[in-house]
């Protein structure tokens, strides 16, 4: 940091120890005489100590606050991600079980079909095969299969509807929150740029 106790190049007997915070000012540092001739309102001039308190310290505190807030966001994000991954893993395991159940139904249906296509005439079937066919029809084995198929179809429709709704809801929420965050960050960025420029000019 440069020493602030510099003398004015014009009024060499006076220290350059006043900082102008007017948005349109470019020079920033003035001695008392230069300040007197400046067009800015006197309230737009701060001493080095005042500038330190109102700008530098305040900015450092805000940056620290934003860093803590961002760390909190990161922690929440990690928790959500881990929860989501854990739930997806559990769902995938259940999906494997459900798929196996569907494949078992497919195998049974294929076995039934092969049994019925085994011979052209009932006379050719063995007693065991005929017994299976009777139980398949009168024992309502196929009705049980139909119930399983309808139950699965109903569950899948419900899961699909719920999945689409919740995923779209999460997606909308993330987009909305992201836009808000971007807007806030843009405002903060502009404020930070303005203050940073002021600090830089003060330092140089």
N, C-alpha and C. Protein backbone atom coordinates (compact mmCIF):
# COMPACT_ATOMS: atom_id res chain seq x y z
N UNK A 1 0.85 -1.20 0.00
CA UNK A 1 0.00 0.00 0.00
C UNK A 1 0.88 1.24 0.00
N UNK A 2 0.52 2.17 -0.84
CA UNK A 2 1.27 3.42 -0.89
C UNK A 2 0.97 4.26 0.35
N UNK A 3 1.92 5.03 0.74
CA UNK A 3 1.72 5.93 1.87
C UNK A 3 0.71 7.01 1.48
N UNK A 4 -0.32 7.15 2.32
CA UNK A 4 -1.36 8.13 2.01
C UNK A 4 -0.92 9.56 2.29
N UNK A 5 0.13 9.72 3.08
CA UNK A 5 0.60 11.07 3.44
C UNK A 5 1.42 11.67 2.30
N UNK A 6 0.73 11.98 1.24
CA UNK A 6 1.37 12.60 0.08
C UNK A 6 0.93 14.06 -0.01
N UNK A 7 1.82 14.87 -0.55
CA UNK A 7 1.50 16.29 -0.71
C UNK A 7 0.95 16.54 -2.10
N UNK A 8 0.06 17.50 -2.16
CA UNK A 8 -0.56 17.88 -3.44
C UNK A 8 0.51 18.45 -4.38
N UNK A 9 0.44 18.04 -5.63
CA UNK A 9 1.42 18.53 -6.60
C UNK A 9 1.17 20.00 -6.96
N UNK A 10 -0.07 20.44 -6.75
CA UNK A 10 -0.41 21.84 -7.05
C UNK A 10 -0.22 22.71 -5.81
N UNK A 11 -0.84 22.26 -4.72
CA UNK A 11 -0.72 23.00 -3.45
C UNK A 11 0.23 22.21 -2.57
N UNK A 12 1.48 22.42 -2.77
CA UNK A 12 2.52 21.56 -2.21
C UNK A 12 2.63 21.56 -0.69
N UNK A 13 1.97 22.50 -0.05
CA UNK A 13 2.02 22.55 1.42
C UNK A 13 0.91 21.72 2.06
N UNK A 14 0.02 21.20 1.24
CA UNK A 14 -1.15 20.50 1.79
C UNK A 14 -1.11 19.01 1.43
N UNK A 15 -1.47 18.23 2.42
CA UNK A 15 -1.52 16.78 2.22
C UNK A 15 -2.74 16.37 1.39
N UNK A 16 -2.55 15.35 0.59
CA UNK A 16 -3.68 14.77 -0.16
C UNK A 16 -4.32 13.73 0.76
N UNK A 17 -5.24 14.18 1.59
CA UNK A 17 -5.79 13.29 2.61
C UNK A 17 -7.32 13.26 2.64
N UNK A 18 -7.94 13.63 1.52
CA UNK A 18 -9.40 13.54 1.41
C UNK A 18 -9.76 12.72 0.17
N UNK A 19 -10.73 11.85 0.33
CA UNK A 19 -11.13 10.96 -0.76
C UNK A 19 -12.54 11.32 -1.21
N UNK A 20 -12.69 11.51 -2.51
CA UNK A 20 -14.00 11.85 -3.07
C UNK A 20 -14.71 10.56 -3.48
N UNK A 21 -15.94 10.39 -3.01
CA UNK A 21 -16.71 9.18 -3.33
C UNK A 21 -17.81 9.46 -4.34
N UNK A 22 -17.77 10.63 -4.95
CA UNK A 22 -18.75 10.95 -5.99
C UNK A 22 -18.60 9.93 -7.13
N UNK A 23 -19.72 9.33 -7.60
CA UNK A 23 -19.64 8.30 -8.65
C UNK A 23 -18.93 8.75 -9.92
N UNK A 24 -19.02 10.03 -10.23
CA UNK A 24 -18.44 10.53 -11.48
C UNK A 24 -17.00 11.01 -11.34
N UNK A 25 -16.50 10.99 -10.14
CA UNK A 25 -15.13 11.48 -9.93
C UNK A 25 -14.11 10.43 -10.37
N UNK A 26 -13.01 10.87 -10.91
CA UNK A 26 -11.97 9.96 -11.38
C UNK A 26 -10.68 10.08 -10.58
N UNK A 27 -10.38 11.26 -10.12
CA UNK A 27 -9.12 11.49 -9.42
C UNK A 27 -9.14 10.89 -8.02
N UNK A 28 -10.23 11.08 -7.30
CA UNK A 28 -10.48 10.52 -5.97
C UNK A 28 -9.72 11.19 -4.83
N UNK A 29 -8.43 11.41 -4.94
CA UNK A 29 -7.66 11.95 -3.81
C UNK A 29 -7.40 13.44 -4.01
N UNK A 30 -7.71 14.22 -2.94
CA UNK A 30 -7.58 15.68 -3.02
C UNK A 30 -7.02 16.25 -1.72
N UNK A 31 -6.38 17.39 -1.88
CA UNK A 31 -6.00 18.15 -0.69
C UNK A 31 -7.17 19.08 -0.33
N UNK A 32 -7.04 19.82 0.76
CA UNK A 32 -8.14 20.68 1.20
C UNK A 32 -8.46 21.77 0.18
N UNK A 33 -7.44 22.31 -0.45
CA UNK A 33 -7.66 23.38 -1.42
C UNK A 33 -8.35 22.83 -2.67
N UNK A 34 -7.85 21.71 -3.15
CA UNK A 34 -8.48 21.09 -4.33
C UNK A 34 -9.92 20.71 -4.04
N UNK A 35 -10.15 20.24 -2.83
CA UNK A 35 -11.51 19.87 -2.45
C UNK A 35 -12.43 21.10 -2.47
N UNK A 36 -11.89 22.21 -2.02
CA UNK A 36 -12.68 23.44 -1.97
C UNK A 36 -13.16 23.84 -3.36
N UNK A 37 -12.33 23.64 -4.37
CA UNK A 37 -12.69 24.03 -5.73
C UNK A 37 -13.43 22.91 -6.49
N UNK A 38 -13.59 21.80 -5.84
CA UNK A 38 -14.26 20.67 -6.50
C UNK A 38 -15.77 20.90 -6.54
N UNK A 39 -16.41 20.42 -7.61
CA UNK A 39 -17.85 20.61 -7.77
C UNK A 39 -18.69 19.69 -6.88
N UNK A 40 -18.09 18.63 -6.38
CA UNK A 40 -18.85 17.67 -5.58
C UNK A 40 -19.24 18.27 -4.24
N UNK A 41 -20.34 17.77 -3.71
CA UNK A 41 -20.81 18.21 -2.40
C UNK A 41 -19.79 17.81 -1.33
N UNK A 42 -19.61 18.63 -0.30
CA UNK A 42 -18.65 18.30 0.77
C UNK A 42 -18.92 16.94 1.41
N UNK A 43 -20.19 16.54 1.41
CA UNK A 43 -20.53 15.24 2.01
C UNK A 43 -19.94 14.07 1.22
N UNK A 44 -19.48 14.35 -0.01
CA UNK A 44 -18.91 13.31 -0.86
C UNK A 44 -17.42 13.09 -0.60
N UNK A 45 -16.90 13.78 0.40
CA UNK A 45 -15.48 13.64 0.73
C UNK A 45 -15.32 12.95 2.08
N UNK A 46 -14.41 11.99 2.14
CA UNK A 46 -14.16 11.25 3.36
C UNK A 46 -12.67 11.30 3.69
N UNK A 47 -12.41 11.24 5.00
CA UNK A 47 -11.02 11.14 5.42
C UNK A 47 -10.55 9.70 5.19
N UNK A 48 -9.25 9.49 5.31
CA UNK A 48 -8.72 8.14 5.13
C UNK A 48 -9.35 7.15 6.12
N UNK A 49 -9.50 7.58 7.36
CA UNK A 49 -10.10 6.73 8.38
C UNK A 49 -11.55 6.41 8.05
N UNK A 50 -12.30 7.42 7.63
CA UNK A 50 -13.71 7.21 7.27
C UNK A 50 -13.84 6.26 6.09
N UNK A 51 -12.96 6.43 5.11
CA UNK A 51 -13.00 5.55 3.94
C UNK A 51 -12.69 4.11 4.34
N UNK A 52 -11.72 3.98 5.24
CA UNK A 52 -11.36 2.65 5.73
C UNK A 52 -12.56 1.98 6.39
N UNK A 53 -13.29 2.74 7.21
CA UNK A 53 -14.43 2.20 7.94
C UNK A 53 -15.61 1.91 7.02
N UNK A 54 -15.94 2.86 6.16
CA UNK A 54 -17.17 2.77 5.36
C UNK A 54 -17.02 1.93 4.10
N UNK A 55 -15.82 1.80 3.60
CA UNK A 55 -15.63 1.07 2.34
C UNK A 55 -14.83 -0.22 2.52
N UNK A 56 -13.60 -0.07 2.94
CA UNK A 56 -12.72 -1.24 2.98
C UNK A 56 -13.20 -2.27 4.00
N UNK A 57 -13.43 -1.85 5.24
CA UNK A 57 -13.86 -2.79 6.27
C UNK A 57 -15.24 -3.35 5.95
N UNK A 58 -16.12 -2.48 5.49
CA UNK A 58 -17.48 -2.93 5.15
C UNK A 58 -17.45 -3.95 4.01
N UNK A 59 -16.62 -3.70 3.01
CA UNK A 59 -16.50 -4.64 1.90
C UNK A 59 -15.91 -5.97 2.36
N UNK A 60 -14.91 -5.91 3.20
CA UNK A 60 -14.31 -7.14 3.71
C UNK A 60 -15.33 -7.95 4.50
N UNK A 61 -16.14 -7.28 5.29
CA UNK A 61 -17.18 -7.97 6.06
C UNK A 61 -18.22 -8.61 5.15
N UNK A 62 -18.60 -7.87 4.10
CA UNK A 62 -19.59 -8.41 3.17
C UNK A 62 -19.05 -9.62 2.42
N UNK A 63 -17.80 -9.52 1.99
CA UNK A 63 -17.18 -10.64 1.29
C UNK A 63 -17.13 -11.87 2.18
N UNK A 64 -16.76 -11.67 3.44
CA UNK A 64 -16.71 -12.77 4.39
C UNK A 64 -18.11 -13.37 4.60
N UNK A 65 -19.10 -12.49 4.67
CA UNK A 65 -20.49 -12.94 4.83
C UNK A 65 -20.93 -13.75 3.62
N UNK A 66 -20.60 -13.27 2.43
CA UNK A 66 -21.00 -13.97 1.21
C UNK A 66 -20.27 -15.31 1.08
N UNK A 67 -19.02 -15.34 1.53
CA UNK A 67 -18.27 -16.60 1.49
C UNK A 67 -18.92 -17.64 2.40
N UNK A 68 -19.34 -17.22 3.59
CA UNK A 68 -20.02 -18.14 4.51
C UNK A 68 -21.34 -18.61 3.92
N UNK A 69 -22.06 -17.67 3.32
CA UNK A 69 -23.34 -18.01 2.69
C UNK A 69 -23.14 -19.01 1.56
N UNK A 70 -22.08 -18.79 0.79
CA UNK A 70 -21.80 -19.68 -0.33
C UNK A 70 -21.38 -21.06 0.16
N UNK A 71 -20.64 -21.12 1.26
CA UNK A 71 -20.26 -22.40 1.85
C UNK A 71 -21.49 -23.15 2.33
N UNK A 72 -22.45 -22.40 2.88
CA UNK A 72 -23.70 -23.01 3.32
C UNK A 72 -24.46 -23.58 2.13
N UNK A 73 -24.47 -22.83 1.03
CA UNK A 73 -25.13 -23.31 -0.18
C UNK A 73 -24.47 -24.58 -0.70
N UNK A 74 -23.16 -24.59 -0.66
CA UNK A 74 -22.41 -25.76 -1.13
C UNK A 74 -22.72 -26.98 -0.27
N UNK A 75 -22.82 -26.77 1.03
CA UNK A 75 -23.14 -27.86 1.95
C UNK A 75 -24.54 -28.41 1.68
N UNK A 76 -25.50 -27.49 1.47
CA UNK A 76 -26.86 -27.92 1.16
C UNK A 76 -26.91 -28.69 -0.16
N UNK A 77 -26.16 -28.16 -1.14
CA UNK A 77 -26.12 -28.82 -2.44
C UNK A 77 -25.59 -30.24 -2.32
N UNK A 78 -24.51 -30.42 -1.56
CA UNK A 78 -23.92 -31.75 -1.39
C UNK A 78 -24.89 -32.69 -0.69
N UNK A 79 -25.61 -32.17 0.31
CA UNK A 79 -26.59 -33.00 1.02
C UNK A 79 -27.71 -33.44 0.09
N UNK A 80 -28.20 -32.51 -0.72
CA UNK A 80 -29.27 -32.84 -1.67
C UNK A 80 -28.78 -33.86 -2.68
N UNK A 81 -27.56 -33.62 -3.20
CA UNK A 81 -27.00 -34.54 -4.20
C UNK A 81 -26.83 -35.94 -3.62
N UNK A 82 -26.30 -36.04 -2.40
CA UNK A 82 -26.09 -37.34 -1.77
C UNK A 82 -27.42 -38.04 -1.51
N UNK A 83 -28.41 -37.28 -1.05
CA UNK A 83 -29.73 -37.86 -0.82
C UNK A 83 -30.33 -38.37 -2.11
N UNK A 84 -30.21 -37.56 -3.16
CA UNK A 84 -30.74 -37.95 -4.46
C UNK A 84 -30.05 -39.20 -4.99
N UNK A 85 -28.74 -39.24 -4.89
CA UNK A 85 -27.99 -40.40 -5.37
C UNK A 85 -28.36 -41.65 -4.57
N UNK A 86 -28.54 -41.49 -3.26
CA UNK A 86 -28.92 -42.62 -2.41
C UNK A 86 -30.30 -43.15 -2.79
N UNK A 87 -31.24 -42.23 -3.00
CA UNK A 87 -32.59 -42.63 -3.38
C UNK A 87 -32.60 -43.29 -4.76
N UNK A 88 -31.81 -42.75 -5.67
CA UNK A 88 -31.73 -43.33 -7.01
C UNK A 88 -31.18 -44.75 -6.94
N UNK A 89 -30.18 -44.95 -6.08
CA UNK A 89 -29.59 -46.28 -5.91
C UNK A 89 -30.63 -47.27 -5.38
N UNK A 90 -31.41 -46.83 -4.40
CA UNK A 90 -32.46 -47.68 -3.84
C UNK A 90 -33.52 -48.01 -4.88
N UNK A 91 -33.90 -46.99 -5.66
CA UNK A 91 -34.91 -47.19 -6.70
C UNK A 91 -34.40 -48.15 -7.77
N UNK A 92 -33.12 -48.01 -8.12
CA UNK A 92 -32.55 -48.89 -9.14
C UNK A 92 -32.57 -50.35 -8.68
N UNK A 93 -32.31 -50.58 -7.40
CA UNK A 93 -32.36 -51.95 -6.86
C UNK A 93 -33.78 -52.50 -6.95
N UNK A 94 -34.76 -51.65 -6.64
CA UNK A 94 -36.15 -52.09 -6.74
C UNK A 94 -36.54 -52.32 -8.19
N UNK A 95 -36.00 -51.50 -9.07
CA UNK A 95 -36.28 -51.68 -10.50
C UNK A 95 -35.77 -53.03 -10.99
N UNK A 96 -34.62 -53.44 -10.48
CA UNK A 96 -34.07 -54.75 -10.85
C UNK A 96 -35.04 -55.85 -10.42
N UNK A 97 -35.60 -55.72 -9.21
CA UNK A 97 -36.55 -56.70 -8.71
C UNK A 97 -37.83 -56.71 -9.55
N UNK A 98 -38.31 -55.51 -9.87
CA UNK A 98 -39.53 -55.41 -10.67
C UNK A 98 -39.30 -55.99 -12.06
N UNK A 99 -38.14 -55.69 -12.64
CA UNK A 99 -37.83 -56.22 -13.97
C UNK A 99 -37.80 -57.75 -13.94
N UNK A 100 -37.23 -58.31 -12.87
CA UNK A 100 -37.19 -59.76 -12.74
C UNK A 100 -38.60 -60.33 -12.65
N UNK A 101 -39.47 -59.63 -11.94
CA UNK A 101 -40.87 -60.05 -11.81
C UNK A 101 -41.56 -60.04 -13.18
N UNK A 102 -41.30 -59.00 -13.96
CA UNK A 102 -41.88 -58.91 -15.31
C UNK A 102 -41.34 -60.03 -16.19
N UNK A 103 -40.05 -60.30 -16.08
CA UNK A 103 -39.45 -61.37 -16.87
C UNK A 103 -40.02 -62.73 -16.48
N UNK A 104 -40.30 -62.91 -15.18
CA UNK A 104 -40.92 -64.17 -14.73
C UNK A 104 -42.30 -64.35 -15.36
N UNK A 105 -43.05 -63.26 -15.43
CA UNK A 105 -44.37 -63.32 -16.06
C UNK A 105 -44.22 -63.69 -17.53
N UNK A 106 -43.23 -63.08 -18.18
CA UNK A 106 -42.99 -63.35 -19.60
C UNK A 106 -42.63 -64.82 -19.82
N UNK A 107 -41.81 -65.36 -18.92
CA UNK A 107 -41.42 -66.77 -19.02
C UNK A 107 -42.64 -67.67 -18.85
N UNK A 108 -43.48 -67.38 -17.86
CA UNK A 108 -44.68 -68.18 -17.62
C UNK A 108 -45.62 -68.14 -18.82
N UNK A 109 -45.81 -66.94 -19.38
CA UNK A 109 -46.68 -66.81 -20.55
C UNK A 109 -46.13 -67.60 -21.73
N UNK A 110 -44.82 -67.56 -21.90
CA UNK A 110 -44.19 -68.33 -22.99
C UNK A 110 -44.36 -69.83 -22.76
N UNK A 111 -44.25 -70.26 -21.51
CA UNK A 111 -44.45 -71.67 -21.19
C UNK A 111 -45.89 -72.09 -21.48
N UNK A 112 -46.84 -71.23 -21.09
CA UNK A 112 -48.25 -71.53 -21.38
C UNK A 112 -48.48 -71.64 -22.88
N UNK A 113 -47.88 -70.68 -23.59
CA UNK A 113 -48.06 -70.66 -25.04
C UNK A 113 -47.45 -71.90 -25.69
N UNK A 114 -46.27 -72.27 -25.25
CA UNK A 114 -45.60 -73.45 -25.79
C UNK A 114 -46.39 -74.72 -25.49
N UNK A 115 -47.00 -74.75 -24.31
CA UNK A 115 -47.82 -75.90 -23.94
C UNK A 115 -49.00 -76.06 -24.89
N UNK A 116 -49.66 -74.94 -25.18
CA UNK A 116 -50.85 -74.98 -26.05
C UNK A 116 -50.48 -75.27 -27.51
N UNK A 117 -49.27 -74.94 -27.89
CA UNK A 117 -48.83 -75.17 -29.28
C UNK A 117 -48.06 -76.49 -29.44
N UNK A 118 -48.02 -77.25 -28.36
CA UNK A 118 -47.21 -78.47 -28.36
C UNK A 118 -47.73 -79.49 -29.36
N UNK A 119 -49.07 -79.59 -29.43
CA UNK A 119 -49.67 -80.56 -30.35
C UNK A 119 -50.82 -79.88 -31.10
N UNK A 120 -51.22 -80.52 -32.22
CA UNK A 120 -52.31 -79.97 -33.02
C UNK A 120 -53.67 -80.38 -32.47
N UNK A 121 -53.73 -81.54 -31.83
CA UNK A 121 -55.02 -82.06 -31.36
C UNK A 121 -54.93 -82.39 -29.88
N UNK A 122 -56.04 -82.17 -29.12
CA UNK A 122 -56.06 -82.54 -27.69
C UNK A 122 -55.75 -84.01 -27.46
N UNK A 123 -56.05 -84.84 -28.50
CA UNK A 123 -55.80 -86.27 -28.33
C UNK A 123 -54.31 -86.56 -28.15
N UNK A 124 -53.49 -85.67 -28.63
CA UNK A 124 -52.04 -85.90 -28.59
C UNK A 124 -51.42 -85.50 -27.25
N UNK A 125 -52.15 -84.70 -26.47
CA UNK A 125 -51.61 -84.23 -25.19
C UNK A 125 -51.57 -85.35 -24.17
N UNK A 126 -50.59 -85.32 -23.32
CA UNK A 126 -50.53 -86.28 -22.21
C UNK A 126 -51.52 -85.87 -21.14
N UNK A 127 -51.77 -86.77 -20.21
CA UNK A 127 -52.71 -86.45 -19.13
C UNK A 127 -52.19 -85.28 -18.29
N UNK A 128 -50.87 -85.26 -18.10
CA UNK A 128 -50.27 -84.17 -17.33
C UNK A 128 -50.46 -82.83 -18.01
N UNK A 129 -50.27 -82.81 -19.34
CA UNK A 129 -50.44 -81.57 -20.09
C UNK A 129 -51.89 -81.11 -20.05
N UNK A 130 -52.81 -82.08 -20.21
CA UNK A 130 -54.23 -81.74 -20.18
C UNK A 130 -54.62 -81.17 -18.81
N UNK A 131 -54.04 -81.76 -17.75
CA UNK A 131 -54.32 -81.27 -16.39
C UNK A 131 -53.84 -79.82 -16.23
N UNK A 132 -52.66 -79.53 -16.79
CA UNK A 132 -52.15 -78.16 -16.74
C UNK A 132 -53.06 -77.19 -17.49
N UNK A 133 -53.57 -77.63 -18.64
CA UNK A 133 -54.43 -76.77 -19.45
C UNK A 133 -55.74 -76.51 -18.74
N UNK A 134 -56.30 -77.57 -18.09
CA UNK A 134 -57.55 -77.40 -17.34
C UNK A 134 -57.36 -76.39 -16.21
N UNK A 135 -56.28 -76.55 -15.46
CA UNK A 135 -56.03 -75.62 -14.35
C UNK A 135 -55.71 -74.21 -14.86
N UNK A 136 -55.10 -74.16 -16.03
CA UNK A 136 -54.79 -72.85 -16.61
C UNK A 136 -56.06 -72.09 -16.94
N UNK A 137 -57.07 -72.83 -17.41
CA UNK A 137 -58.34 -72.19 -17.80
C UNK A 137 -59.30 -72.09 -16.61
N UNK A 138 -59.62 -73.20 -16.01
CA UNK A 138 -60.63 -73.21 -14.94
C UNK A 138 -60.06 -72.78 -13.59
N UNK A 139 -58.78 -72.96 -13.41
CA UNK A 139 -58.15 -72.55 -12.16
C UNK A 139 -57.79 -71.07 -12.14
N UNK A 140 -58.14 -70.43 -13.26
CA UNK A 140 -57.96 -68.97 -13.37
C UNK A 140 -56.50 -68.53 -13.22
N UNK A 141 -55.59 -69.37 -13.70
CA UNK A 141 -54.18 -68.99 -13.66
C UNK A 141 -53.92 -67.74 -14.51
N UNK A 142 -54.57 -67.71 -15.69
CA UNK A 142 -54.38 -66.54 -16.56
C UNK A 142 -55.02 -65.29 -15.96
N UNK A 143 -56.11 -65.50 -15.20
CA UNK A 143 -56.74 -64.34 -14.55
C UNK A 143 -55.79 -63.72 -13.52
N UNK A 144 -55.04 -64.60 -12.85
CA UNK A 144 -54.06 -64.10 -11.88
C UNK A 144 -52.96 -63.31 -12.59
N UNK A 145 -52.56 -63.81 -13.76
CA UNK A 145 -51.56 -63.09 -14.55
C UNK A 145 -52.10 -61.74 -14.97
N UNK A 146 -53.38 -61.73 -15.39
CA UNK A 146 -54.00 -60.47 -15.81
C UNK A 146 -54.03 -59.46 -14.66
N UNK A 147 -54.34 -59.95 -13.47
CA UNK A 147 -54.36 -59.06 -12.30
C UNK A 147 -52.97 -58.47 -12.03
N UNK A 148 -51.96 -59.31 -12.17
CA UNK A 148 -50.58 -58.83 -11.97
C UNK A 148 -50.22 -57.78 -13.01
N UNK A 149 -50.62 -58.04 -14.27
CA UNK A 149 -50.31 -57.11 -15.35
C UNK A 149 -51.00 -55.76 -15.14
N UNK A 150 -52.28 -55.81 -14.74
CA UNK A 150 -53.02 -54.57 -14.49
C UNK A 150 -52.43 -53.81 -13.31
N UNK A 151 -52.03 -54.56 -12.28
CA UNK A 151 -51.44 -53.92 -11.10
C UNK A 151 -50.13 -53.23 -11.46
N UNK A 152 -49.30 -53.91 -12.24
CA UNK A 152 -48.04 -53.32 -12.66
C UNK A 152 -48.27 -52.09 -13.53
N UNK A 153 -49.23 -52.22 -14.46
CA UNK A 153 -49.53 -51.10 -15.36
C UNK A 153 -50.00 -49.88 -14.57
N UNK A 154 -50.86 -50.11 -13.58
CA UNK A 154 -51.36 -49.02 -12.75
C UNK A 154 -50.23 -48.37 -11.96
N UNK A 155 -49.36 -49.20 -11.40
CA UNK A 155 -48.24 -48.67 -10.62
C UNK A 155 -47.28 -47.87 -11.51
N UNK A 156 -47.02 -48.39 -12.70
CA UNK A 156 -46.12 -47.70 -13.61
C UNK A 156 -46.69 -46.36 -14.06
N UNK A 157 -47.99 -46.33 -14.32
CA UNK A 157 -48.63 -45.07 -14.71
C UNK A 157 -48.51 -44.04 -13.59
N UNK A 158 -48.74 -44.52 -12.37
CA UNK A 158 -48.66 -43.62 -11.21
C UNK A 158 -47.23 -43.13 -11.00
N UNK A 159 -46.27 -44.05 -11.12
CA UNK A 159 -44.86 -43.68 -10.95
C UNK A 159 -44.44 -42.69 -12.02
N UNK A 160 -44.84 -42.97 -13.26
CA UNK A 160 -44.45 -42.09 -14.37
C UNK A 160 -45.02 -40.69 -14.19
N UNK A 161 -46.31 -40.63 -13.81
CA UNK A 161 -46.95 -39.34 -13.60
C UNK A 161 -46.28 -38.58 -12.46
N UNK A 162 -46.03 -39.28 -11.35
CA UNK A 162 -45.39 -38.67 -10.18
C UNK A 162 -43.97 -38.23 -10.52
N UNK A 163 -43.26 -39.08 -11.27
CA UNK A 163 -41.88 -38.79 -11.62
C UNK A 163 -41.78 -37.55 -12.49
N UNK A 164 -42.61 -37.49 -13.52
CA UNK A 164 -42.59 -36.35 -14.43
C UNK A 164 -42.94 -35.07 -13.69
N UNK A 165 -43.98 -35.15 -12.84
CA UNK A 165 -44.43 -33.96 -12.11
C UNK A 165 -43.32 -33.44 -11.19
N UNK A 166 -42.72 -34.34 -10.43
CA UNK A 166 -41.71 -33.91 -9.45
C UNK A 166 -40.41 -33.47 -10.11
N UNK A 167 -40.02 -34.15 -11.18
CA UNK A 167 -38.81 -33.74 -11.88
C UNK A 167 -38.99 -32.37 -12.52
N UNK A 168 -40.15 -32.15 -13.12
CA UNK A 168 -40.41 -30.84 -13.71
C UNK A 168 -40.46 -29.76 -12.64
N UNK A 169 -41.04 -30.11 -11.49
CA UNK A 169 -41.12 -29.16 -10.38
C UNK A 169 -39.73 -28.80 -9.87
N UNK A 170 -38.88 -29.81 -9.71
CA UNK A 170 -37.51 -29.57 -9.26
C UNK A 170 -36.75 -28.73 -10.28
N UNK A 171 -36.95 -29.08 -11.55
CA UNK A 171 -36.26 -28.35 -12.62
C UNK A 171 -36.68 -26.89 -12.65
N UNK A 172 -38.00 -26.65 -12.52
CA UNK A 172 -38.49 -25.26 -12.48
C UNK A 172 -37.94 -24.53 -11.28
N UNK A 173 -37.91 -25.21 -10.15
CA UNK A 173 -37.42 -24.58 -8.92
C UNK A 173 -35.94 -24.22 -9.06
N UNK A 174 -35.17 -25.11 -9.62
CA UNK A 174 -33.74 -24.84 -9.80
C UNK A 174 -33.52 -23.70 -10.78
N UNK A 175 -34.28 -23.68 -11.86
CA UNK A 175 -34.14 -22.60 -12.84
C UNK A 175 -34.52 -21.26 -12.22
N UNK A 176 -35.63 -21.25 -11.47
CA UNK A 176 -36.12 -20.02 -10.86
C UNK A 176 -35.13 -19.51 -9.84
N UNK A 177 -34.68 -20.40 -8.96
CA UNK A 177 -33.72 -20.00 -7.94
C UNK A 177 -32.40 -19.56 -8.57
N UNK A 178 -32.02 -20.25 -9.65
CA UNK A 178 -30.77 -19.89 -10.31
C UNK A 178 -30.85 -18.50 -10.91
N UNK A 179 -32.00 -18.17 -11.50
CA UNK A 179 -32.16 -16.84 -12.09
C UNK A 179 -32.11 -15.77 -11.00
N UNK A 180 -32.75 -16.07 -9.87
CA UNK A 180 -32.71 -15.11 -8.76
C UNK A 180 -31.27 -14.93 -8.29
N UNK A 181 -30.57 -16.06 -8.14
CA UNK A 181 -29.18 -16.00 -7.69
C UNK A 181 -28.32 -15.23 -8.67
N UNK A 182 -28.56 -15.46 -9.96
CA UNK A 182 -27.78 -14.76 -10.98
C UNK A 182 -28.04 -13.27 -10.91
N UNK A 183 -29.32 -12.90 -10.76
CA UNK A 183 -29.66 -11.47 -10.67
C UNK A 183 -29.02 -10.84 -9.44
N UNK A 184 -29.10 -11.54 -8.31
CA UNK A 184 -28.49 -11.01 -7.09
C UNK A 184 -26.98 -10.91 -7.24
N UNK A 185 -26.39 -11.95 -7.83
CA UNK A 185 -24.94 -11.94 -8.02
C UNK A 185 -24.52 -10.82 -8.95
N UNK A 186 -25.35 -10.54 -9.97
CA UNK A 186 -25.03 -9.48 -10.91
C UNK A 186 -25.03 -8.13 -10.21
N UNK A 187 -26.04 -7.93 -9.36
CA UNK A 187 -26.11 -6.68 -8.60
C UNK A 187 -24.90 -6.56 -7.67
N UNK A 188 -24.62 -7.66 -6.97
CA UNK A 188 -23.48 -7.65 -6.05
C UNK A 188 -22.17 -7.43 -6.81
N UNK A 189 -22.08 -8.04 -7.98
CA UNK A 189 -20.86 -7.90 -8.77
C UNK A 189 -20.63 -6.45 -9.17
N UNK A 190 -21.71 -5.78 -9.61
CA UNK A 190 -21.58 -4.39 -10.02
C UNK A 190 -21.19 -3.51 -8.84
N UNK A 191 -21.82 -3.78 -7.69
CA UNK A 191 -21.49 -3.01 -6.49
C UNK A 191 -20.03 -3.24 -6.11
N UNK A 192 -19.62 -4.50 -6.17
CA UNK A 192 -18.24 -4.83 -5.83
C UNK A 192 -17.26 -4.17 -6.79
N UNK A 193 -17.62 -4.14 -8.07
CA UNK A 193 -16.74 -3.50 -9.06
C UNK A 193 -16.57 -2.02 -8.77
N UNK A 194 -17.69 -1.37 -8.44
CA UNK A 194 -17.63 0.06 -8.13
C UNK A 194 -16.75 0.31 -6.92
N UNK A 195 -16.98 -0.47 -5.86
CA UNK A 195 -16.19 -0.28 -4.64
C UNK A 195 -14.73 -0.65 -4.86
N UNK A 196 -14.51 -1.70 -5.65
CA UNK A 196 -13.13 -2.12 -5.91
C UNK A 196 -12.37 -1.05 -6.67
N UNK A 197 -13.03 -0.44 -7.64
CA UNK A 197 -12.41 0.65 -8.39
C UNK A 197 -12.04 1.80 -7.46
N UNK A 198 -12.95 2.08 -6.53
CA UNK A 198 -12.69 3.17 -5.59
C UNK A 198 -11.49 2.84 -4.71
N UNK A 199 -11.45 1.60 -4.24
CA UNK A 199 -10.34 1.19 -3.38
C UNK A 199 -9.03 1.21 -4.16
N UNK A 200 -9.09 0.73 -5.40
CA UNK A 200 -7.88 0.70 -6.22
C UNK A 200 -7.33 2.10 -6.44
N UNK A 201 -8.22 3.02 -6.76
CA UNK A 201 -7.78 4.40 -6.99
C UNK A 201 -7.25 5.02 -5.70
N UNK A 202 -7.85 4.60 -4.61
CA UNK A 202 -7.37 5.09 -3.32
C UNK A 202 -5.96 4.57 -3.02
N UNK A 203 -5.73 3.33 -3.37
CA UNK A 203 -4.44 2.72 -3.08
C UNK A 203 -3.33 3.24 -3.98
N UNK A 204 -3.68 3.52 -5.24
CA UNK A 204 -2.65 3.97 -6.17
C UNK A 204 -2.50 5.48 -6.17
